[in-house]
C-alpha atoms as a PDB file:
ATOM      1  CA  MET A   1      69.246  74.892   9.892  1.00  0.00           C
ATOM      2  CA  TRP A   2      67.926  71.198   8.893  1.00  0.00           C
ATOM      3  CA  GLU A   3      64.758  72.801   8.083  1.00  0.00           C
ATOM      4  CA  ARG A   4      66.590  75.073   5.660  1.00  0.00           C
ATOM      5  CA  LEU A   5      68.940  73.174   4.342  1.00  0.00           C
ATOM      6  CA  GLU A   6      67.494  72.551   0.930  1.00  0.00           C
ATOM      7  CA  ALA A   7      67.039  76.416   0.799  1.00  0.00           C
ATOM      8  CA  PHE A   8      70.408  76.839   1.219  1.00  0.00           C
ATOM      9  CA  VAL A   9      71.756  74.373  -1.429  1.00  0.00           C
ATOM     10  CA  ARG A  10      69.755  76.198  -4.269  1.00  0.00           C
ATOM     11  CA  GLU A  11      70.904  79.725  -3.043  1.00  0.00           C
ATOM     12  CA  GLN A  12      74.838  78.367  -2.821  1.00  0.00           C
ATOM     13  CA  VAL A  13      73.663  76.649  -6.430  1.00  0.00           C
ATOM     14  CA  GLN A  14      72.401  79.626  -7.536  1.00  0.00           C
ATOM     15  CA  ARG A  15      75.265  82.091  -6.657  1.00  0.00           C
ATOM     16  CA  PHE A  16      77.592  79.452  -8.337  1.00  0.00           C
ATOM     17  CA  ILE A  17      75.593  79.746 -11.710  1.00  0.00           C
ATOM     18  CA  GLN A  18      75.810  83.445 -11.162  1.00  0.00           C
ATOM     19  CA  THR A  19      79.234  83.331 -11.077  1.00  0.00           C
ATOM     20  CA  LEU A  20      79.878  80.953 -14.086  1.00  0.00           C
ATOM     21  CA  LEU A  21      77.558  83.758 -15.711  1.00  0.00           C
ATOM     22  CA  LYS A  22      80.029  86.604 -14.748  1.00  0.00           C
ATOM     23  CA  GLU A  23      83.398  84.017 -15.255  1.00  0.00           C
ATOM     24  CA  GLU A  24      82.407  83.467 -18.390  1.00  0.00           C
ATOM     25  CA  LEU A  25      82.089  87.167 -19.654  1.00  0.00           C
ATOM     26  CA  THR A  26      85.302  87.885 -17.685  1.00  0.00           C
ATOM     27  CA  GLU A  27      86.815  85.317 -20.045  1.00  0.00           C
ATOM     28  CA  LEU A  28      84.911  87.106 -23.254  1.00  0.00           C
ATOM     29  CA  LEU A  29      85.803  90.549 -23.032  1.00  0.00           C
ATOM     30  CA  GLY A  30      89.569  89.644 -21.539  1.00  0.00           C
ATOM     31  CA  ARG A  31      89.232  91.519 -18.841  1.00  0.00           C
ATOM     32  CA  SER A  32      87.251  92.124 -15.796  1.00  0.00           C
ATOM     33  CA  LYS A  33      84.394  94.308 -14.891  1.00  0.00           C
ATOM     34  CA  SER A  34      85.076  98.674 -14.574  1.00  0.00           C
ATOM     35  CA  ALA A  35      88.585  97.288 -16.709  1.00  0.00           C
ATOM     36  CA  ARG A  36      89.910  99.485 -19.222  1.00  0.00           C
ATOM     37  CA  ARG A  37      90.532  97.549 -22.490  1.00  0.00           C
ATOM     38  CA  ALA A  38      94.996  96.988 -21.825  1.00  0.00           C
ATOM     39  CA  SER A  39      95.620  97.712 -25.907  1.00  0.00           C
ATOM     40  CA  VAL A  40      94.070  98.905 -29.226  1.00  0.00           C
ATOM     41  CA  ASP A  41      93.940  95.900 -30.615  1.00  0.00           C
ATOM     42  CA  ALA A  42      92.433  94.322 -27.371  1.00  0.00           C
ATOM     43  CA  PRO A  43      89.182  92.350 -27.667  1.00  0.00           C
ATOM     44  CA  LEU A  44      86.379  94.805 -28.245  1.00  0.00           C
ATOM     45  CA  GLY A  45      82.668  95.199 -25.693  1.00  0.00           C
ATOM     46  CA  MET A  46      81.566  96.586 -22.921  1.00  0.00           C
ATOM     47  CA  ARG A  47      79.244  94.544 -20.041  1.00  0.00           C
ATOM     48  CA  ASN A  48      75.634  96.193 -20.094  1.00  0.00           C
ATOM     49  CA  GLY A  49      74.477  94.703 -17.336  1.00  0.00           C
ATOM     50  CA  TYR A  50      71.716  91.858 -16.866  1.00  0.00           C
ATOM     51  CA  GLY A  51      69.155  90.404 -18.606  1.00  0.00           C
ATOM     52  CA  LYS A  52      65.530  89.605 -17.005  1.00  0.00           C
ATOM     53  CA  PRO A  53      65.464  87.367 -13.974  1.00  0.00           C
ATOM     54  CA  ARG A  54      65.236  83.411 -15.522  1.00  0.00           C
ATOM     55  CA  ARG A  55      63.826  80.503 -13.868  1.00  0.00           C
ATOM     56  CA  LEU A  56      65.904  77.878 -14.492  1.00  0.00           C
ATOM     57  CA  GLY A  57      64.686  74.001 -12.968  1.00  0.00           C
ATOM     58  CA  LEU A  58      66.876  71.529 -11.796  1.00  0.00           C
ATOM     59  CA  THR A  59      66.637  68.255 -10.161  1.00  0.00           C
ATOM     60  CA  SER A  60      66.959  70.529  -6.794  1.00  0.00           C
ATOM     61  CA  GLY A  61      64.604  73.145  -7.317  1.00  0.00           C
ATOM     62  CA  THR A  62      64.281  76.008  -9.457  1.00  0.00           C
ATOM     63  CA  ILE A  63      66.350  79.044  -9.017  1.00  0.00           C
ATOM     64  CA  THR A  64      66.587  82.277 -10.797  1.00  0.00           C
ATOM     65  CA  VAL A  65      69.469  83.826 -12.646  1.00  0.00           C
ATOM     66  CA  ARG A  66      70.392  86.808 -14.291  1.00  0.00           C
ATOM     67  CA  ARG A  67      72.530  86.410 -17.389  1.00  0.00           C
ATOM     68  CA  PRO A  68      74.719  88.998 -17.979  1.00  0.00           C
ATOM     69  CA  ARG A  69      74.576  91.078 -21.127  1.00  0.00           C
ATOM     70  CA  VAL A  70      77.436  92.570 -23.434  1.00  0.00           C
ATOM     71  CA  ARG A  71      77.146  95.048 -26.715  1.00  0.00           C
ATOM     72  CA  GLY A  72      79.632  95.996 -29.241  1.00  0.00           C
ATOM     73  CA  VAL A  73      80.829  92.715 -29.678  1.00  0.00           C
ATOM     74  CA  GLY A  74      79.721  91.701 -33.114  1.00  0.00           C
ATOM     75  CA  GLU A  75      77.991  88.284 -32.440  1.00  0.00           C
ATOM     76  CA  ARG A  76      75.475  87.498 -30.003  1.00  0.00           C
ATOM     77  CA  PHE A  77      77.004  86.675 -26.161  1.00  0.00           C
ATOM     78  CA  VAL A  78      75.436  82.440 -25.932  1.00  0.00           C
ATOM     79  CA  SER A  79      77.105  81.212 -22.814  1.00  0.00           C
ATOM     80  CA  ARG A  80      77.715  77.745 -22.530  1.00  0.00           C
ATOM     81  CA  VAL A  81      76.976  77.372 -18.528  1.00  0.00           C
ATOM     82  CA  LEU A  82      72.629  78.759 -19.842  1.00  0.00           C
ATOM     83  CA  PRO A  83      72.214  78.825 -23.450  1.00  0.00           C
ATOM     84  CA  LEU A  84      69.948  81.230 -24.132  1.00  0.00           C
ATOM     85  CA  PHE A  85      66.033  78.967 -24.663  1.00  0.00           C
ATOM     86  CA  LYS A  86      67.137  76.747 -22.059  1.00  0.00           C
ATOM     87  CA  ARG A  87      64.753  76.193 -18.733  1.00  0.00           C
ATOM     88  CA  ARG A  88      65.215  73.342 -17.143  1.00  0.00           C
ATOM     89  CA  THR A  89      68.300  70.938 -17.241  1.00  0.00           C
ATOM     90  CA  CYS A  90      68.482  67.502 -19.126  1.00  0.00           C
ATOM     91  CA  GLU A  91      67.245  65.613 -16.363  1.00  0.00           C
ATOM     92  CA  ILE A  92      64.714  67.349 -15.284  1.00  0.00           C
ATOM     93  CA  GLY A  93      63.681  66.728 -19.362  1.00  0.00           C
ATOM     94  CA  GLU A  94      64.058  62.860 -19.369  1.00  0.00           C
ATOM     95  CA  LEU A  95      62.211  63.180 -16.297  1.00  0.00           C
ATOM     96  CA  LEU A  96      58.788  64.611 -18.164  1.00  0.00           C
ATOM     97  CA  PRO A  97      58.303  61.564 -20.667  1.00  0.00           C
ATOM     98  CA  GLN A  98      59.302  59.437 -17.303  1.00  0.00           C
ATOM     99  CA  LEU A  99      56.244  61.082 -15.195  1.00  0.00           C
ATOM    100  CA  TYR A 100      54.268  60.827 -18.561  1.00  0.00           C
ATOM    101  CA  LEU A 101      54.705  57.111 -19.653  1.00  0.00           C
ATOM    102  CA  HIS A 102      54.034  55.706 -16.035  1.00  0.00           C
ATOM    103  CA  GLY A 103      50.384  57.072 -16.677  1.00  0.00           C
ATOM    104  CA  LEU A 104      50.644  60.712 -14.702  1.00  0.00           C
ATOM    105  CA  ALA A 105      47.444  62.673 -17.151  1.00  0.00           C
ATOM    106  CA  LEU A 106      49.384  66.027 -18.634  1.00  0.00           C
ATOM    107  CA  GLY A 107      46.495  67.896 -16.179  1.00  0.00           C
ATOM    108  CA  ASP A 108      48.255  66.294 -13.172  1.00  0.00           C
ATOM    109  CA  PHE A 109      52.152  68.050 -14.652  1.00  0.00           C
ATOM    110  CA  ASP A 110      51.480  71.151 -12.686  1.00  0.00           C
ATOM    111  CA  LEU A 111      51.141  69.922  -9.550  1.00  0.00           C
ATOM    112  CA  ALA A 112      53.637  67.243  -9.891  1.00  0.00           C
ATOM    113  CA  LEU A 113      56.416  69.468 -10.802  1.00  0.00           C
ATOM    114  CA  ARG A 114      55.192  72.072  -8.674  1.00  0.00           C
ATOM    115  CA  GLY A 115      56.030  69.460  -5.553  1.00  0.00           C
ATOM    116  CA  LEU A 116      59.066  68.123  -7.102  1.00  0.00           C
ATOM    117  CA  LEU A 117      60.613  71.318  -8.039  1.00  0.00           C
ATOM    118  CA  GLY A 118      59.031  74.002  -6.042  1.00  0.00           C
ATOM    119  CA  ASP A 119      56.325  76.632  -6.467  1.00  0.00           C
ATOM    120  CA  ALA A 120      58.898  78.313  -9.026  1.00  0.00           C
ATOM    121  CA  ALA A 121      59.099  75.491 -11.220  1.00  0.00           C
ATOM    122  CA  PRO A 122      59.474  76.905 -15.386  1.00  0.00           C
ATOM    123  CA  ARG A 123      56.250  74.488 -16.837  1.00  0.00           C
ATOM    124  CA  SER A 124      53.193  75.690 -18.864  1.00  0.00           C
ATOM    125  CA  PRO A 125      50.506  73.785 -20.681  1.00  0.00           C
ATOM    126  CA  ALA A 126      51.399  74.692 -24.054  1.00  0.00           C
ATOM    127  CA  SER A 127      54.684  73.303 -23.829  1.00  0.00           C
ATOM    128  CA  LEU A 128      54.214  70.211 -22.471  1.00  0.00           C
ATOM    129  CA  ALA A 129      51.433  69.747 -24.729  1.00  0.00           C
ATOM    130  CA  ARG A 130      54.450  69.885 -27.152  1.00  0.00           C
ATOM    131  CA  LEU A 131      56.737  67.416 -25.271  1.00  0.00           C
ATOM    132  CA  LYS A 132      53.658  65.239 -25.806  1.00  0.00           C
ATOM    133  CA  ALA A 133      53.341  65.816 -29.323  1.00  0.00           C
ATOM    134  CA  GLN A 134      56.994  65.344 -29.876  1.00  0.00           C
ATOM    135  CA  TRP A 135      56.667  61.949 -28.199  1.00  0.00           C
ATOM    136  CA  GLN A 136      54.005  60.722 -30.075  1.00  0.00           C
ATOM    137  CA  HIS A 137      55.703  61.596 -33.590  1.00  0.00           C
ATOM    138  CA  GLU A 138      59.013  59.797 -31.436  1.00  0.00           C
ATOM    139  CA  TYR A 139      56.322  56.876 -30.915  1.00  0.00           C
ATOM    140  CA  ALA A 140      54.928  56.545 -34.165  1.00  0.00           C
ATOM    141  CA  ALA A 141      58.685  56.444 -36.577  1.00  0.00           C
ATOM    142  CA  TRP A 142      60.128  53.975 -33.646  1.00  0.00           C
ATOM    143  CA  LYS A 143      56.911  51.801 -34.852  1.00  0.00           C
ATOM    144  CA  GLN A 144      57.666  52.503 -38.428  1.00  0.00           C
ATOM    145  CA  ARG A 145      61.361  51.797 -38.525  1.00  0.00           C
ATOM    146  CA  ARG A 146      63.094  48.742 -40.104  1.00  0.00           C
ATOM    147  CA  LEU A 147      64.129  45.656 -38.722  1.00  0.00           C
ATOM    148  CA  ASP A 148      65.776  43.709 -41.554  1.00  0.00           C
ATOM    149  CA  ASP A 149      69.045  44.746 -40.333  1.00  0.00           C
ATOM    150  CA  LEU A 150      69.068  44.291 -36.814  1.00  0.00           C
ATOM    151  CA  GLU A 151      70.980  41.440 -35.752  1.00  0.00           C
ATOM    152  CA  VAL A 152      68.595  39.316 -33.548  1.00  0.00           C
ATOM    153  CA  VAL A 153      69.950  37.519 -31.038  1.00  0.00           C
ATOM    154  CA  TYR A 154      67.114  35.590 -29.586  1.00  0.00           C
ATOM    155  CA  ALA A 155      63.022  35.291 -30.409  1.00  0.00           C
ATOM    156  CA  TRP A 156      60.383  35.425 -27.722  1.00  0.00           C
ATOM    157  CA  ALA A 157      56.708  34.459 -28.793  1.00  0.00           C
ATOM    158  CA  ASP A 158      53.777  34.487 -25.593  1.00  0.00           C
ATOM    159  CA  GLY A 159      50.467  32.572 -26.904  1.00  0.00           C
ATOM    160  CA  LEU A 160      48.275  31.102 -25.267  1.00  0.00           C
END
């Protein structure tokens, strides 16, 4: 059992998130699955199966979830639990720049993420290149920021 502990935990997290997604849709529609509308002015909409399976990267590994679909609501159903185009949690998003700052080359990200998040980790060379460009842009903006409005507590200079 000890050897399968991480896989068991990932399966439980996957089931929990899937249940949260179903409950969120139940709250939106105001009724459970296969239940009829209670009155004429009850919220419109019907369940319409599930979307394609999609991988979600967590710090404990990668899980696969399926977002429930709904039709007849008027606006697009956007989940608070799993937003539309999110493929990884914020913690994974914070891990990537740290790995890059510690000297991990872009070509090594695939191997590192596969080791950390499992073989099904959501990663692509294009997304990593896009992240690198974003970090370079943030660094350029940081270098150009104004310092005259900062209150300096102390100054330290090092020289030979």
